[in-house]
């Protein structure tokens, strides 16, 4: 029912900025971003409510990352500033397929996932 495609990844220098878009088809509710570093588990990074009014960021990225969405364009964004090598990995766009409260499980977006986009950060 939902198809997600994220893009915008690439190679960045430490301290640089990158903006990742995710286009969605089908109805989405809460959405989020996950990151999987090499050899690590996929971890939640940021979430946003269906209307974009509420955001949820893990402590490690607060003050540096911003999650937003433009529902008219069916697009979710992750603005990443002050990138660090530890922040490298494959970033996945995700969505909830049903209406639910924010952050009840410590994350948003666990019903649908995109294919991922690679972010590499050089020191």
C-alpha atoms as a PDB file:
ATOM      1  CA  UNK A   1       0.000   0.000   0.000  1.00  0.00           C
ATOM      2  CA  UNK A   2       2.928   2.341   0.696  1.00  0.00           C
ATOM      3  CA  UNK A   3       6.066   2.745  -1.354  1.00  0.00           C
ATOM      4  CA  UNK A   4       8.945   4.857  -0.062  1.00  0.00           C
ATOM      5  CA  UNK A   5      11.980   6.038  -1.985  1.00  0.00           C
ATOM      6  CA  UNK A   6      14.757   7.938  -0.238  1.00  0.00           C
ATOM      7  CA  UNK A   7      17.647   9.641  -1.974  1.00  0.00           C
ATOM      8  CA  UNK A   8      20.190  12.389  -1.469  1.00  0.00           C
ATOM      9  CA  UNK A   9      22.942  10.308   0.067  1.00  0.00           C
ATOM     10  CA  UNK A  10      26.570  10.712  -0.793  1.00  0.00           C
ATOM     11  CA  UNK A  11      30.044  11.424   0.472  1.00  0.00           C
ATOM     12  CA  UNK A  12      30.431  14.369   2.828  1.00  0.00           C
ATOM     13  CA  UNK A  13      33.250  15.784   4.889  1.00  0.00           C
ATOM     14  CA  UNK A  14      32.971  15.755   8.639  1.00  0.00           C
ATOM     15  CA  UNK A  15      31.084  18.868   9.699  1.00  0.00           C
ATOM     16  CA  UNK A  16      29.201  19.114   6.438  1.00  0.00           C
ATOM     17  CA  UNK A  17      25.477  19.106   5.781  1.00  0.00           C
ATOM     18  CA  UNK A  18      23.172  16.911   3.763  1.00  0.00           C
ATOM     19  CA  UNK A  19      19.452  16.854   3.086  1.00  0.00           C
ATOM     20  CA  UNK A  20      17.721  13.555   2.432  1.00  0.00           C
ATOM     21  CA  UNK A  21      14.296  13.427   0.784  1.00  0.00           C
ATOM     22  CA  UNK A  22      11.901  10.523   0.850  1.00  0.00           C
ATOM     23  CA  UNK A  23       8.974  10.407  -1.537  1.00  0.00           C
ATOM     24  CA  UNK A  24       5.951   8.391  -0.528  1.00  0.00           C
ATOM     25  CA  UNK A  25       3.069   6.859  -2.396  1.00  0.00           C
ATOM     26  CA  UNK A  26       0.044   5.629  -0.533  1.00  0.00           C
ATOM     27  CA  UNK A  27      -1.288   6.886   2.757  1.00  0.00           C
ATOM     28  CA  UNK A  28       1.205   7.422   5.543  1.00  0.00           C
ATOM     29  CA  UNK A  29       0.828   8.495   9.144  1.00  0.00           C
ATOM     30  CA  UNK A  30       3.793   8.948  11.470  1.00  0.00           C
ATOM     31  CA  UNK A  31       7.079   8.664   9.623  1.00  0.00           C
ATOM     32  CA  UNK A  32      10.686   8.338  10.600  1.00  0.00           C
ATOM     33  CA  UNK A  33      14.297   7.890   9.652  1.00  0.00           C
ATOM     34  CA  UNK A  34      16.565   5.024  10.631  1.00  0.00           C
ATOM     35  CA  UNK A  35      20.297   4.574  10.207  1.00  0.00           C
ATOM     36  CA  UNK A  36      22.289   1.384   9.877  1.00  0.00           C
ATOM     37  CA  UNK A  37      26.019   1.751  10.343  1.00  0.00           C
ATOM     38  CA  UNK A  38      28.347  -0.922   8.967  1.00  0.00           C
ATOM     39  CA  UNK A  39      28.183  -4.003  11.153  1.00  0.00           C
ATOM     40  CA  UNK A  40      25.523  -2.462  13.378  1.00  0.00           C
ATOM     41  CA  UNK A  41      21.807  -2.833  13.917  1.00  0.00           C
ATOM     42  CA  UNK A  42      19.384  -0.489  12.244  1.00  0.00           C
ATOM     43  CA  UNK A  43      18.618   2.282  14.725  1.00  0.00           C
ATOM     44  CA  UNK A  44      15.936   4.926  14.971  1.00  0.00           C
ATOM     45  CA  UNK A  45      17.066   8.502  14.357  1.00  0.00           C
ATOM     46  CA  UNK A  46      14.046  10.778  14.046  1.00  0.00           C
ATOM     47  CA  UNK A  47      10.277  10.689  13.784  1.00  0.00           C
ATOM     48  CA  UNK A  48       7.466  13.024  12.829  1.00  0.00           C
ATOM     49  CA  UNK A  49       3.701  13.036  13.233  1.00  0.00           C
ATOM     50  CA  UNK A  50       1.337  12.687  10.304  1.00  0.00           C
ATOM     51  CA  UNK A  51       0.692  16.437  10.094  1.00  0.00           C
ATOM     52  CA  UNK A  52       4.305  17.379  10.787  1.00  0.00           C
ATOM     53  CA  UNK A  53       3.436  19.147  14.006  1.00  0.00           C
ATOM     54  CA  UNK A  54       5.374  16.914  16.380  1.00  0.00           C
ATOM     55  CA  UNK A  55       8.937  15.710  15.946  1.00  0.00           C
ATOM     56  CA  UNK A  56      11.026  13.220  17.869  1.00  0.00           C
ATOM     57  CA  UNK A  57      14.815  13.071  17.671  1.00  0.00           C
ATOM     58  CA  UNK A  58      17.244  10.852  19.486  1.00  0.00           C
ATOM     59  CA  UNK A  59      19.592  12.713  21.804  1.00  0.00           C
ATOM     60  CA  UNK A  60      22.612  12.040  19.629  1.00  0.00           C
ATOM     61  CA  UNK A  61      21.267  14.193  16.786  1.00  0.00           C
ATOM     62  CA  UNK A  62      19.330  16.883  18.632  1.00  0.00           C
ATOM     63  CA  UNK A  63      20.511  20.322  17.620  1.00  0.00           C
ATOM     64  CA  UNK A  64      22.063  18.998  14.422  1.00  0.00           C
ATOM     65  CA  UNK A  65      19.317  17.122  12.559  1.00  0.00           C
ATOM     66  CA  UNK A  66      15.853  18.294  11.587  1.00  0.00           C
ATOM     67  CA  UNK A  67      13.013  16.109  10.371  1.00  0.00           C
ATOM     68  CA  UNK A  68      10.184  17.650   8.372  1.00  0.00           C
ATOM     69  CA  UNK A  69       7.564  16.733   5.822  1.00  0.00           C
ATOM     70  CA  UNK A  70       5.696  18.358   2.977  1.00  0.00           C
ATOM     71  CA  UNK A  71       2.489  16.412   2.635  1.00  0.00           C
ATOM     72  CA  UNK A  72       1.402  18.338  -0.454  1.00  0.00           C
ATOM     73  CA  UNK A  73       4.471  16.915  -2.177  1.00  0.00           C
ATOM     74  CA  UNK A  74       4.305  13.562  -0.383  1.00  0.00           C
ATOM     75  CA  UNK A  75       7.859  14.031   0.777  1.00  0.00           C
ATOM     76  CA  UNK A  76       9.679  13.490   4.051  1.00  0.00           C
ATOM     77  CA  UNK A  77      13.012  15.188   4.717  1.00  0.00           C
ATOM     78  CA  UNK A  78      15.963  14.762   6.996  1.00  0.00           C
ATOM     79  CA  UNK A  79      18.259  17.770   7.229  1.00  0.00           C
ATOM     80  CA  UNK A  80      21.594  16.713   8.662  1.00  0.00           C
ATOM     81  CA  UNK A  81      24.069  19.332   9.851  1.00  0.00           C
ATOM     82  CA  UNK A  82      27.451  18.902  11.502  1.00  0.00           C
ATOM     83  CA  UNK A  83      27.789  15.395  10.177  1.00  0.00           C
ATOM     84  CA  UNK A  84      30.238  13.121  11.938  1.00  0.00           C
ATOM     85  CA  UNK A  85      31.914   9.907  10.803  1.00  0.00           C
ATOM     86  CA  UNK A  86      29.915   8.037  13.433  1.00  0.00           C
ATOM     87  CA  UNK A  87      26.787   9.229  11.642  1.00  0.00           C
ATOM     88  CA  UNK A  88      27.665   7.421   8.432  1.00  0.00           C
ATOM     89  CA  UNK A  89      25.598   4.512   7.241  1.00  0.00           C
ATOM     90  CA  UNK A  90      22.559   3.631   5.213  1.00  0.00           C
ATOM     91  CA  UNK A  91      19.610   5.868   5.990  1.00  0.00           C
ATOM     92  CA  UNK A  92      16.134   4.428   5.647  1.00  0.00           C
ATOM     93  CA  UNK A  93      12.852   6.246   5.343  1.00  0.00           C
ATOM     94  CA  UNK A  94       9.999   4.568   7.205  1.00  0.00           C
ATOM     95  CA  UNK A  95       6.295   5.027   7.778  1.00  0.00           C
ATOM     96  CA  UNK A  96       3.478   3.848   9.986  1.00  0.00           C
ATOM     97  CA  UNK A  97       0.549   2.420   8.072  1.00  0.00           C
ATOM     98  CA  UNK A  98      -1.961   3.215  10.804  1.00  0.00           C
ATOM     99  CA  UNK A  99      -2.775   6.144  13.033  1.00  0.00           C
ATOM    100  CA  UNK A 100      -1.013   5.846  16.380  1.00  0.00           C
ATOM    101  CA  UNK A 101       0.376   8.089  19.107  1.00  0.00           C
ATOM    102  CA  UNK A 102       3.883   9.451  18.746  1.00  0.00           C
ATOM    103  CA  UNK A 103       6.809   7.707  20.390  1.00  0.00           C
ATOM    104  CA  UNK A 104       4.849   5.089  22.300  1.00  0.00           C
ATOM    105  CA  UNK A 105       7.457   2.520  21.259  1.00  0.00           C
ATOM    106  CA  UNK A 106      10.376   4.930  21.125  1.00  0.00           C
ATOM    107  CA  UNK A 107      10.173   5.279  17.364  1.00  0.00           C
ATOM    108  CA  UNK A 108       7.997   6.170  14.405  1.00  0.00           C
ATOM    109  CA  UNK A 109       7.847   4.224  11.184  1.00  0.00           C
ATOM    110  CA  UNK A 110       7.769   0.462  11.514  1.00  0.00           C
ATOM    111  CA  UNK A 111       5.332  -0.713   8.847  1.00  0.00           C
ATOM    112  CA  UNK A 112       7.022   0.360   5.612  1.00  0.00           C
ATOM    113  CA  UNK A 113      10.619   1.070   4.622  1.00  0.00           C
ATOM    114  CA  UNK A 114      12.442   2.482   1.665  1.00  0.00           C
ATOM    115  CA  UNK A 115      15.450   0.922  -0.007  1.00  0.00           C
ATOM    116  CA  UNK A 116      17.948   3.102   1.847  1.00  0.00           C
ATOM    117  CA  UNK A 117      20.463   5.697   0.761  1.00  0.00           C
ATOM    118  CA  UNK A 118      24.153   5.587   1.629  1.00  0.00           C
ATOM    119  CA  UNK A 119      25.708   8.423   3.592  1.00  0.00           C
ATOM    120  CA  UNK A 120      29.478   8.403   3.919  1.00  0.00           C
ATOM    121  CA  UNK A 121      31.297  10.896   6.133  1.00  0.00           C
ATOM    122  CA  UNK A 122      35.024  11.403   5.797  1.00  0.00           C
ATOM    123  CA  UNK A 123      37.187  12.811   8.571  1.00  0.00           C
END
